[in-house]
Structure formats: structure tokens, C-alpha cells
Amino acid sequence: MTVVVKVGGARAVDPEGALADVAQLVADGEDVVVVHGGSTKVDDTLERMGIEPEYVETPSGVVGRFTDEETMEVFEMAFGHLNTQLVAGLQSQGVDAVGLSGVDGKLLAGPRKSAVRVMEDGKRKIKRGDHSGSIKKVNDELLYTLLDDGYTPVAGPPMAGKDDDEWIPVNTDADRSAAAIAGALDATLVLLTDVEGVYADPDDPETLIETVETGDDWNDLQDAAEGFMERKIMAAEEALADGAPEVVVADANVDEPISGALEGSGTHVHQTAIETEEHT
């Protein structure tokens, strides 16, 4: 079994338990790819540099960071630092980890989006100067080569963005990066975050949605997802549509968070949920 693990970039997520669990899974012979976020690190670095982060809302209601040229430089710096720290942490656990950005070997590649549609004062507008991209291709051969040679890839944004005849580093969402990789590898995707999973009532942990198998289950899941969880559900749908058999949203801050997720904790979303939904 191949497992893609996305370690959240939120301040409340401690990666230590996940790294120890990755080491155990690798020692047991599993192929594991680690994907990391880092939005909090980017915001902290921008703040230290006296740069105000800018967030925009898309017409569909999704809120994301607007990445201008200056912010992109900070993004590269922050994500590069996080990647190195995670690789060093895994190596300390005895794992032969290799750090990659989405630019390396065009691991994550697609067109640059230099302009984005946003909502401002209730009106749709075009905002130009963005450094973001849409992942259209994953270099799965690079990942298979590393895994076959006994290495554990640790990957994260930025991605390789095609801008006319140039390739440049551009921002992309870490959850969706993990989803693209899981889909390309037909791997189980584990999205680790700072809550136990998706709650039917976002304010009540007692309402954890444990299994999503049908179209009705999928509709309930989408209705329950709010805030940051919306992106995770979007990523889950993309991973399942591309070939991942299962996506699990689970708590990073427990003992053996990945093993626990694979054994039943968290919210388990099965491929049948979107297959059923497509035909209803």
C-alpha cells in the first residue's frame, strides 16, 4: 500500500507524532510520501518582514492568499525552511528522506494564473499580478524512482508554473497538492489537521462523521464542511476522482496519527461516495 500523508501547516499542528509514525510505517515496508503545508509559517514570516498578507475571496466563496511577487519570495523561503526541517526530522528517525518542492523535476506542474477572479464590495473583479497555478500534471515517475530506491519523498509547494515559454515557481494549495499526488499514485490520502475529522456540527466534536460511502453521505459531508475544512473536502474529491481509493481526515496531535487514521480513526471518505454522487 502507498500512503500520501499531508501534514498541516497550521500553528496548532505538531508534526512530531506524524514523523515518528512515518518512520514506523517505512520500517514496516510501506511506501509513504509526505506533503506539507505552511500557510502559518508564511504569515509569520511576512509579519516579521513588515508585509501585510492579503487574502481574497473567490466568487465561489473560497478565501485564499493573494500571492504577489514579494509574497512569492517569502513563500519560497518559508516553505523551503519547513521542508528542510521535516526532512531532518525524518532522518533523525532513521528515514532516508528526500526534500522536494513542486518545482523540482516539475513534480507538480501546470499553467500559472496571473489574474484571479475575486469578490470586492459584493462585485466580481479581476485582480492581476498573482503568482499561483493549477496542477495539471504530477511527475509520478520521479516519486516511483525515489520510493523504489528506498527514499521517502517530502514534498510541498511551490509548483512549477508555465508562464508563456518560462517555468516559474508559483503558489498552489498544499491539500490539493497532496490530492494530486495521491491520485497519481493511486494511494490512500491521509489529511492530518488539528481536529479529529469532519464534524456534522463544526462546534461539536461528538458529531464526528466517521464514514462517507454514498452520494447522500457526500452531500452531508459537503454541508458540514466550513472554513479551512472546505478546502480539504475539495482536495478529497479531487484525489478520489483521480484514483485514490480512500481519503481520511484525521487528528495530527495524537499518538500514531497516521496508523490510527488507517485503522479507523477520523473521517473516512471512500471512492464510492463520489461515484454514487455522479450518478444521482
C-alpha atoms as a PDB file:
ATOM      1  CA  MET A   1       0.000   0.000   0.000  1.00  0.00           C
ATOM      2  CA  THR A   2       1.154   3.511  -0.803  1.00  0.00           C
ATOM      3  CA  VAL A   3       0.148   6.289   1.594  1.00  0.00           C
ATOM      4  CA  VAL A   4       0.306  10.032   0.964  1.00  0.00           C
ATOM      5  CA  VAL A   5       0.288  11.990   4.215  1.00  0.00           C
ATOM      6  CA  LYS A   6      -0.421  15.695   4.274  1.00  0.00           C
ATOM      7  CA  VAL A   7       0.931  17.338   7.425  1.00  0.00           C
ATOM      8  CA  GLY A   8      -0.933  20.553   8.111  1.00  0.00           C
ATOM      9  CA  GLY A   9       0.763  23.914   8.267  1.00  0.00           C
ATOM     10  CA  ALA A  10      -1.496  25.345  10.978  1.00  0.00           C
ATOM     11  CA  ARG A  11       0.068  26.615  14.189  1.00  0.00           C
ATOM     12  CA  ALA A  12      -1.917  24.079  16.222  1.00  0.00           C
ATOM     13  CA  VAL A  13      -0.462  21.080  14.363  1.00  0.00           C
ATOM     14  CA  ASP A  14       2.596  19.375  15.895  1.00  0.00           C
ATOM     15  CA  PRO A  15       4.359  17.232  13.257  1.00  0.00           C
ATOM     16  CA  GLU A  16       6.470  15.167  15.658  1.00  0.00           C
ATOM     17  CA  GLY A  17       3.964  12.350  16.139  1.00  0.00           C
ATOM     18  CA  ALA A  18       3.388  12.124  12.399  1.00  0.00           C
ATOM     19  CA  LEU A  19       7.119  11.912  11.665  1.00  0.00           C
ATOM     20  CA  ALA A  20       7.583   9.088  14.177  1.00  0.00           C
ATOM     21  CA  ASP A  21       4.606   7.299  12.640  1.00  0.00           C
ATOM     22  CA  VAL A  22       6.021   7.735   9.112  1.00  0.00           C
ATOM     23  CA  ALA A  23       9.250   6.161  10.346  1.00  0.00           C
ATOM     24  CA  GLN A  24       7.351   3.159  11.718  1.00  0.00           C
ATOM     25  CA  LEU A  25       5.336   2.709   8.518  1.00  0.00           C
ATOM     26  CA  VAL A  26       8.502   2.872   6.406  1.00  0.00           C
ATOM     27  CA  ALA A  27      10.206   0.362   8.724  1.00  0.00           C
ATOM     28  CA  ASP A  28       7.203  -1.923   8.177  1.00  0.00           C
ATOM     29  CA  GLY A  29       7.747  -1.764   4.426  1.00  0.00           C
ATOM     30  CA  GLU A  30       5.080   0.760   3.435  1.00  0.00           C
ATOM     31  CA  ASP A  31       5.693   3.374   0.733  1.00  0.00           C
ATOM     32  CA  VAL A  32       4.981   6.818   2.175  1.00  0.00           C
ATOM     33  CA  VAL A  33       5.033  10.256   0.551  1.00  0.00           C
ATOM     34  CA  VAL A  34       4.845  13.241   2.904  1.00  0.00           C
ATOM     35  CA  VAL A  35       3.319  16.511   1.695  1.00  0.00           C
ATOM     36  CA  HIS A  36       3.435  19.593   3.895  1.00  0.00           C
ATOM     37  CA  GLY A  37       1.621  22.888   4.176  1.00  0.00           C
ATOM     38  CA  GLY A  38       2.998  26.085   5.639  1.00  0.00           C
ATOM     39  CA  SER A  39       0.499  28.929   5.472  1.00  0.00           C
ATOM     40  CA  THR A  40       1.079  29.895   9.102  1.00  0.00           C
ATOM     41  CA  LYS A  41       4.845  29.998   8.566  1.00  0.00           C
ATOM     42  CA  VAL A  42       4.341  32.255   5.548  1.00  0.00           C
ATOM     43  CA  ASP A  43       2.106  34.626   7.533  1.00  0.00           C
ATOM     44  CA  ASP A  44       4.585  34.724  10.450  1.00  0.00           C
ATOM     45  CA  THR A  45       7.477  35.475   8.089  1.00  0.00           C
ATOM     46  CA  LEU A  46       5.510  38.200   6.306  1.00  0.00           C
ATOM     47  CA  GLU A  47       4.709  39.755   9.680  1.00  0.00           C
ATOM     48  CA  ARG A  48       8.366  39.732  10.739  1.00  0.00           C
ATOM     49  CA  MET A  49       9.250  41.457   7.477  1.00  0.00           C
ATOM     50  CA  GLY A  50       6.525  44.060   7.934  1.00  0.00           C
ATOM     51  CA  ILE A  51       4.477  42.840   4.969  1.00  0.00           C
ATOM     52  CA  GLU A  52       0.713  42.623   5.376  1.00  0.00           C
ATOM     53  CA  PRO A  53      -0.684  39.365   3.915  1.00  0.00           C
ATOM     54  CA  GLU A  54      -3.559  39.888   1.521  1.00  0.00           C
ATOM     55  CA  TYR A  55      -6.472  37.466   1.388  1.00  0.00           C
ATOM     56  CA  VAL A  56      -9.115  37.482  -1.325  1.00  0.00           C
ATOM     57  CA  GLU A  57     -12.461  35.747  -1.749  1.00  0.00           C
ATOM     58  CA  THR A  58     -13.346  33.971  -4.988  1.00  0.00           C
ATOM     59  CA  PRO A  59     -16.861  34.201  -6.470  1.00  0.00           C
ATOM     60  CA  SER A  60     -17.484  30.673  -5.126  1.00  0.00           C
ATOM     61  CA  GLY A  61     -16.764  31.889  -1.598  1.00  0.00           C
ATOM     62  CA  VAL A  62     -13.327  30.309  -1.094  1.00  0.00           C
ATOM     63  CA  VAL A  63     -10.872  32.560   0.734  1.00  0.00           C
ATOM     64  CA  GLY A  64      -7.195  32.301  -0.175  1.00  0.00           C
ATOM     65  CA  ARG A  65      -3.967  34.272  -0.099  1.00  0.00           C
ATOM     66  CA  PHE A  66      -3.196  36.609  -2.990  1.00  0.00           C
ATOM     67  CA  THR A  67       0.431  35.943  -3.875  1.00  0.00           C
ATOM     68  CA  ASP A  68       2.156  38.924  -5.463  1.00  0.00           C
ATOM     69  CA  GLU A  69       5.839  38.856  -6.410  1.00  0.00           C
ATOM     70  CA  GLU A  70       7.068  39.978  -2.970  1.00  0.00           C
ATOM     71  CA  THR A  71       4.860  37.451  -1.156  1.00  0.00           C
ATOM     72  CA  MET A  72       6.044  34.711  -3.530  1.00  0.00           C
ATOM     73  CA  GLU A  73       9.649  35.292  -2.466  1.00  0.00           C
ATOM     74  CA  VAL A  74       8.637  34.919   1.183  1.00  0.00           C
ATOM     75  CA  PHE A  75       6.580  31.843   0.286  1.00  0.00           C
ATOM     76  CA  GLU A  76       9.615  30.145  -1.288  1.00  0.00           C
ATOM     77  CA  MET A  77      11.753  30.972   1.737  1.00  0.00           C
ATOM     78  CA  ALA A  78       9.226  29.763   4.322  1.00  0.00           C
ATOM     79  CA  PHE A  79       8.317  26.535   2.521  1.00  0.00           C
ATOM     80  CA  GLY A  80      11.981  25.756   1.832  1.00  0.00           C
ATOM     81  CA  HIS A  81      12.749  26.096   5.547  1.00  0.00           C
ATOM     82  CA  LEU A  82       9.807  23.893   6.555  1.00  0.00           C
ATOM     83  CA  ASN A  83      10.739  21.232   4.023  1.00  0.00           C
ATOM     84  CA  THR A  84      14.306  21.071   5.303  1.00  0.00           C
ATOM     85  CA  GLN A  85      13.123  20.809   8.914  1.00  0.00           C
ATOM     86  CA  LEU A  86      10.765  17.922   8.103  1.00  0.00           C
ATOM     87  CA  VAL A  87      13.464  16.087   6.130  1.00  0.00           C
ATOM     88  CA  ALA A  88      15.907  16.494   9.026  1.00  0.00           C
ATOM     89  CA  GLY A  89      13.248  15.295  11.471  1.00  0.00           C
ATOM     90  CA  LEU A  90      12.651  12.131   9.447  1.00  0.00           C
ATOM     91  CA  GLN A  91      16.359  11.494   9.043  1.00  0.00           C
ATOM     92  CA  SER A  92      16.676  11.731  12.823  1.00  0.00           C
ATOM     93  CA  GLN A  93      14.065   8.953  12.959  1.00  0.00           C
ATOM     94  CA  GLY A  94      16.180   6.788  10.656  1.00  0.00           C
ATOM     95  CA  VAL A  95      14.255   7.532   7.460  1.00  0.00           C
ATOM     96  CA  ASP A  96      16.110   8.249   4.191  1.00  0.00           C
ATOM     97  CA  ALA A  97      14.020  11.314   3.374  1.00  0.00           C
ATOM     98  CA  VAL A  98      14.463  13.486   0.284  1.00  0.00           C
ATOM     99  CA  GLY A  99      13.061  17.006   0.147  1.00  0.00           C
ATOM    100  CA  LEU A 100      11.342  18.279  -2.979  1.00  0.00           C
ATOM    101  CA  SER A 101       9.383  21.320  -3.972  1.00  0.00           C
ATOM    102  CA  GLY A 102       6.801  21.038  -6.687  1.00  0.00           C
ATOM    103  CA  VAL A 103       9.283  22.790  -8.969  1.00  0.00           C
ATOM    104  CA  ASP A 104      11.911  20.021  -8.663  1.00  0.00           C
ATOM    105  CA  GLY A 105      11.670  17.781 -11.713  1.00  0.00           C
ATOM    106  CA  LYS A 106       8.366  19.571 -12.386  1.00  0.00           C
ATOM    107  CA  LEU A 107       6.887  17.339  -9.694  1.00  0.00           C
ATOM    108  CA  LEU A 108       3.756  19.498  -9.708  1.00  0.00           C
ATOM    109  CA  ALA A 109       3.241  21.339 -12.973  1.00  0.00           C
ATOM    110  CA  GLY A 110       0.602  23.403 -14.712  1.00  0.00           C
ATOM    111  CA  PRO A 111      -0.236  26.864 -16.013  1.00  0.00           C
ATOM    112  CA  ARG A 112       0.415  29.993 -13.996  1.00  0.00           C
ATOM    113  CA  LYS A 113      -2.645  32.044 -13.105  1.00  0.00           C
ATOM    114  CA  SER A 114      -1.507  35.662 -13.277  1.00  0.00           C
ATOM    115  CA  ALA A 115      -5.019  37.008 -12.735  1.00  0.00           C
ATOM    116  CA  VAL A 116      -7.746  35.760 -10.421  1.00  0.00           C
ATOM    117  CA  ARG A 117     -11.460  36.467 -10.130  1.00  0.00           C
ATOM    118  CA  VAL A 118     -12.289  37.948  -6.740  1.00  0.00           C
ATOM    119  CA  MET A 119     -15.225  39.456  -4.894  1.00  0.00           C
ATOM    120  CA  GLU A 120     -14.732  43.012  -3.620  1.00  0.00           C
ATOM    121  CA  ASP A 121     -17.580  45.005  -2.070  1.00  0.00           C
ATOM    122  CA  GLY A 122     -20.051  42.484  -3.459  1.00  0.00           C
ATOM    123  CA  LYS A 123     -18.765  42.850  -7.020  1.00  0.00           C
ATOM    124  CA  ARG A 124     -16.809  40.426  -9.199  1.00  0.00           C
ATOM    125  CA  LYS A 125     -13.445  41.814 -10.222  1.00  0.00           C
ATOM    126  CA  ILE A 126     -10.242  40.649 -11.926  1.00  0.00           C
ATOM    127  CA  LYS A 127      -7.119  41.041  -9.803  1.00  0.00           C
ATOM    128  CA  ARG A 128      -3.815  40.843 -11.691  1.00  0.00           C
ATOM    129  CA  GLY A 129      -0.243  40.107 -10.619  1.00  0.00           C
ATOM    130  CA  ASP A 130      -0.949  36.794  -8.909  1.00  0.00           C
ATOM    131  CA  HIS A 131       1.710  34.079  -8.686  1.00  0.00           C
ATOM    132  CA  SER A 132      -0.423  30.952  -8.381  1.00  0.00           C
ATOM    133  CA  GLY A 133      -1.118  27.931 -10.518  1.00  0.00           C
ATOM    134  CA  SER A 134      -3.355  24.954 -11.237  1.00  0.00           C
ATOM    135  CA  ILE A 135      -1.775  21.498 -11.027  1.00  0.00           C
ATOM    136  CA  LYS A 136      -2.356  19.625 -14.281  1.00  0.00           C
ATOM    137  CA  LYS A 137       0.439  17.040 -14.138  1.00  0.00           C
ATOM    138  CA  VAL A 138       2.317  15.112 -11.441  1.00  0.00           C
ATOM    139  CA  ASN A 139       5.743  13.623 -12.168  1.00  0.00           C
ATOM    140  CA  ASP A 140       4.862  10.253 -10.680  1.00  0.00           C
ATOM    141  CA  GLU A 141       7.954   8.670 -12.292  1.00  0.00           C
ATOM    142  CA  LEU A 142      10.152  10.810 -10.036  1.00  0.00           C
ATOM    143  CA  LEU A 143       8.237   9.673  -6.958  1.00  0.00           C
ATOM    144  CA  TYR A 144       8.271   5.997  -8.000  1.00  0.00           C
ATOM    145  CA  THR A 145      12.022   6.192  -8.657  1.00  0.00           C
ATOM    146  CA  LEU A 146      12.666   7.557  -5.168  1.00  0.00           C
ATOM    147  CA  LEU A 147      10.313   5.082  -3.481  1.00  0.00           C
ATOM    148  CA  ASP A 148      11.774   2.123  -5.409  1.00  0.00           C
ATOM    149  CA  ASP A 149      15.257   3.178  -4.297  1.00  0.00           C
ATOM    150  CA  GLY A 150      14.193   3.257  -0.640  1.00  0.00           C
ATOM    151  CA  TYR A 151      13.768   7.008  -0.210  1.00  0.00           C
ATOM    152  CA  THR A 152      10.818   8.787   1.386  1.00  0.00           C
ATOM    153  CA  PRO A 153       9.843  11.914  -0.574  1.00  0.00           C
ATOM    154  CA  VAL A 154       8.884  15.033   1.387  1.00  0.00           C
ATOM    155  CA  ALA A 155       7.169  17.469  -0.956  1.00  0.00           C
ATOM    156  CA  GLY A 156       5.354  20.754  -0.846  1.00  0.00           C
ATOM    157  CA  PRO A 157       4.542  23.886  -2.807  1.00  0.00           C
ATOM    158  CA  PRO A 158       5.543  25.917  -4.742  1.00  0.00           C
ATOM    159  CA  MET A 159       4.646  24.234  -8.022  1.00  0.00           C
ATOM    160  CA  ALA A 160       6.196  24.706 -11.461  1.00  0.00           C
ATOM    161  CA  GLY A 161       4.028  27.231 -13.306  1.00  0.00           C
ATOM    162  CA  LYS A 162       4.204  27.617 -17.077  1.00  0.00           C
ATOM    163  CA  ASP A 163       4.212  31.306 -17.948  1.00  0.00           C
ATOM    164  CA  ASP A 164       4.377  31.630 -21.754  1.00  0.00           C
ATOM    165  CA  ASP A 165       7.739  29.993 -22.528  1.00  0.00           C
ATOM    166  CA  GLU A 166       9.046  30.136 -18.949  1.00  0.00           C
ATOM    167  CA  TRP A 167       8.705  27.882 -15.918  1.00  0.00           C
ATOM    168  CA  ILE A 168       8.488  29.830 -12.681  1.00  0.00           C
ATOM    169  CA  PRO A 169       7.692  28.878  -9.058  1.00  0.00           C
ATOM    170  CA  VAL A 170       4.098  29.733  -8.163  1.00  0.00           C
ATOM    171  CA  ASN A 171       1.839  29.177  -5.175  1.00  0.00           C
ATOM    172  CA  THR A 172      -0.604  26.297  -5.000  1.00  0.00           C
ATOM    173  CA  ASP A 173      -2.716  24.789  -2.232  1.00  0.00           C
ATOM    174  CA  ALA A 174      -0.937  22.116  -0.157  1.00  0.00           C
ATOM    175  CA  ASP A 175      -4.058  19.976   0.398  1.00  0.00           C
ATOM    176  CA  ARG A 176      -4.739  19.908  -3.320  1.00  0.00           C
ATOM    177  CA  SER A 177      -1.059  19.164  -3.985  1.00  0.00           C
ATOM    178  CA  ALA A 178      -1.345  16.128  -1.718  1.00  0.00           C
ATOM    179  CA  ALA A 179      -4.557  15.160  -3.508  1.00  0.00           C
ATOM    180  CA  ALA A 180      -2.889  15.361  -6.927  1.00  0.00           C
ATOM    181  CA  ILE A 181      -0.003  13.180  -5.741  1.00  0.00           C
ATOM    182  CA  ALA A 182      -2.331  10.632  -4.113  1.00  0.00           C
ATOM    183  CA  GLY A 183      -4.397  10.436  -7.287  1.00  0.00           C
ATOM    184  CA  ALA A 184      -1.313   9.972  -9.469  1.00  0.00           C
ATOM    185  CA  LEU A 185      -0.035   7.157  -7.229  1.00  0.00           C
ATOM    186  CA  ASP A 186      -3.470   5.558  -6.619  1.00  0.00           C
ATOM    187  CA  ALA A 187      -2.595   5.984  -2.960  1.00  0.00           C
ATOM    188  CA  THR A 188      -4.628   6.366   0.209  1.00  0.00           C
ATOM    189  CA  LEU A 189      -4.569  10.019   1.256  1.00  0.00           C
ATOM    190  CA  VAL A 190      -4.390  10.993   4.938  1.00  0.00           C
ATOM    191  CA  LEU A 191      -5.045  14.688   5.597  1.00  0.00           C
ATOM    192  CA  LEU A 192      -3.794  15.462   9.100  1.00  0.00           C
ATOM    193  CA  THR A 193      -5.181  18.546  10.791  1.00  0.00           C
ATOM    194  CA  ASP A 194      -5.885  19.931  14.284  1.00  0.00           C
ATOM    195  CA  VAL A 195      -9.310  18.289  14.796  1.00  0.00           C
ATOM    196  CA  GLU A 196     -10.484  14.666  14.868  1.00  0.00           C
ATOM    197  CA  GLY A 197     -12.102  14.849  11.426  1.00  0.00           C
ATOM    198  CA  VAL A 198     -15.172  16.472   9.902  1.00  0.00           C
ATOM    199  CA  TYR A 199     -17.974  17.234  12.360  1.00  0.00           C
ATOM    200  CA  ALA A 200     -21.638  17.352  11.309  1.00  0.00           C
ATOM    201  CA  ASP A 201     -21.839  20.282  13.742  1.00  0.00           C
ATOM    202  CA  PRO A 202     -18.497  22.085  13.379  1.00  0.00           C
ATOM    203  CA  ASP A 203     -18.683  23.193  17.022  1.00  0.00           C
ATOM    204  CA  ASP A 204     -19.394  19.726  18.447  1.00  0.00           C
ATOM    205  CA  PRO A 205     -16.664  17.031  18.363  1.00  0.00           C
ATOM    206  CA  GLU A 206     -19.303  14.490  19.372  1.00  0.00           C
ATOM    207  CA  THR A 207     -20.758  14.752  15.853  1.00  0.00           C
ATOM    208  CA  LEU A 208     -17.734  13.286  14.039  1.00  0.00           C
ATOM    209  CA  ILE A 209     -18.653  11.928  10.606  1.00  0.00           C
ATOM    210  CA  GLU A 210     -16.872   8.591  10.558  1.00  0.00           C
ATOM    211  CA  THR A 211     -17.677   7.098   7.141  1.00  0.00           C
ATOM    212  CA  VAL A 212     -18.696   8.596   3.799  1.00  0.00           C
ATOM    213  CA  GLU A 213     -19.684   5.933   1.268  1.00  0.00           C
ATOM    214  CA  THR A 214     -22.766   7.106  -0.641  1.00  0.00           C
ATOM    215  CA  GLY A 215     -23.908  10.170  -2.538  1.00  0.00           C
ATOM    216  CA  ASP A 216     -26.147  11.185   0.364  1.00  0.00           C
ATOM    217  CA  ASP A 217     -23.192  10.808   2.739  1.00  0.00           C
ATOM    218  CA  TRP A 218     -21.140  13.009   0.411  1.00  0.00           C
ATOM    219  CA  ASN A 219     -23.806  15.729   0.369  1.00  0.00           C
ATOM    220  CA  ASP A 220     -23.922  15.677   4.169  1.00  0.00           C
ATOM    221  CA  LEU A 221     -20.132  15.963   4.286  1.00  0.00           C
ATOM    222  CA  GLN A 222     -20.114  18.974   1.981  1.00  0.00           C
ATOM    223  CA  ASP A 223     -22.854  20.632   4.017  1.00  0.00           C
ATOM    224  CA  ALA A 224     -20.849  20.102   7.220  1.00  0.00           C
ATOM    225  CA  ALA A 225     -17.520  21.434   5.911  1.00  0.00           C
ATOM    226  CA  GLU A 226     -16.844  25.034   6.888  1.00  0.00           C
ATOM    227  CA  GLY A 227     -13.815  27.306   6.748  1.00  0.00           C
ATOM    228  CA  PHE A 228     -10.496  25.508   6.291  1.00  0.00           C
ATOM    229  CA  MET A 229     -12.325  22.174   6.065  1.00  0.00           C
ATOM    230  CA  GLU A 230     -13.905  23.183   2.741  1.00  0.00           C
ATOM    231  CA  ARG A 231     -10.507  23.013   1.036  1.00  0.00           C
ATOM    232  CA  LYS A 232      -9.859  19.592   2.499  1.00  0.00           C
ATOM    233  CA  ILE A 233     -13.135  18.251   1.153  1.00  0.00           C
ATOM    234  CA  MET A 234     -12.352  19.805  -2.232  1.00  0.00           C
ATOM    235  CA  ALA A 235      -8.973  18.069  -2.114  1.00  0.00           C
ATOM    236  CA  ALA A 236     -10.598  14.785  -1.085  1.00  0.00           C
ATOM    237  CA  GLU A 237     -12.928  14.910  -4.079  1.00  0.00           C
ATOM    238  CA  GLU A 238     -10.026  15.575  -6.459  1.00  0.00           C
ATOM    239  CA  ALA A 239      -7.941  12.743  -5.007  1.00  0.00           C
ATOM    240  CA  LEU A 240     -10.796  10.244  -5.252  1.00  0.00           C
ATOM    241  CA  ALA A 241     -11.696  11.330  -8.783  1.00  0.00           C
ATOM    242  CA  ASP A 242      -8.071  10.855  -9.863  1.00  0.00           C
ATOM    243  CA  GLY A 243      -7.740   7.332  -8.451  1.00  0.00           C
ATOM    244  CA  ALA A 244      -7.138   7.446  -4.706  1.00  0.00           C
ATOM    245  CA  PRO A 245      -9.252   4.654  -3.129  1.00  0.00           C
ATOM    246  CA  GLU A 246      -9.824   6.477   0.155  1.00  0.00           C
ATOM    247  CA  VAL A 247      -9.210   9.804   1.878  1.00  0.00           C
ATOM    248  CA  VAL A 248      -9.018  10.146   5.659  1.00  0.00           C
ATOM    249  CA  VAL A 249      -9.240  13.449   7.533  1.00  0.00           C
ATOM    250  CA  ALA A 250      -7.743  12.902  10.983  1.00  0.00           C
ATOM    251  CA  ASP A 251      -6.106  14.490  14.027  1.00  0.00           C
ATOM    252  CA  ALA A 252      -2.351  15.105  13.778  1.00  0.00           C
ATOM    253  CA  ASN A 253      -1.947  15.656  17.509  1.00  0.00           C
ATOM    254  CA  VAL A 254      -2.455  12.100  18.756  1.00  0.00           C
ATOM    255  CA  ASP A 255      -0.111   9.153  19.154  1.00  0.00           C
ATOM    256  CA  GLU A 256       0.468   7.344  15.844  1.00  0.00           C
ATOM    257  CA  PRO A 257      -1.874   9.666  13.923  1.00  0.00           C
ATOM    258  CA  ILE A 258      -1.342   8.049  10.503  1.00  0.00           C
ATOM    259  CA  SER A 259      -1.598   4.454  11.679  1.00  0.00           C
ATOM    260  CA  GLY A 260      -4.666   5.374  13.706  1.00  0.00           C
ATOM    261  CA  ALA A 261      -6.256   7.002  10.660  1.00  0.00           C
ATOM    262  CA  LEU A 262      -5.539   3.960   8.501  1.00  0.00           C
ATOM    263  CA  GLU A 263      -7.043   1.713  11.169  1.00  0.00           C
ATOM    264  CA  GLY A 264     -10.288   3.650  11.541  1.00  0.00           C
ATOM    265  CA  SER A 265      -9.988   6.983  13.361  1.00  0.00           C
ATOM    266  CA  GLY A 266     -11.034  10.226  11.697  1.00  0.00           C
ATOM    267  CA  THR A 267     -13.413  10.742   8.774  1.00  0.00           C
ATOM    268  CA  HIS A 268     -13.074   8.123   6.022  1.00  0.00           C
ATOM    269  CA  VAL A 269     -14.246   9.156   2.559  1.00  0.00           C
ATOM    270  CA  HIS A 270     -14.486   6.306   0.047  1.00  0.00           C
ATOM    271  CA  GLN A 271     -14.394   6.472  -3.733  1.00  0.00           C
ATOM    272  CA  THR A 272     -17.951   5.101  -3.867  1.00  0.00           C
ATOM    273  CA  ALA A 273     -19.213   8.373  -2.362  1.00  0.00           C
ATOM    274  CA  ILE A 274     -18.316  10.458  -5.406  1.00  0.00           C
ATOM    275  CA  GLU A 275     -19.132   7.641  -7.854  1.00  0.00           C
ATOM    276  CA  THR A 276     -22.634   7.448  -6.378  1.00  0.00           C
ATOM    277  CA  GLU A 277     -22.947  11.235  -6.336  1.00  0.00           C
ATOM    278  CA  GLU A 278     -22.019  11.472 -10.024  1.00  0.00           C
ATOM    279  CA  HIS A 279     -24.981   9.233 -10.898  1.00  0.00           C
ATOM    280  CA  THR A 280     -27.614  10.869  -8.676  1.00  0.00           C
END
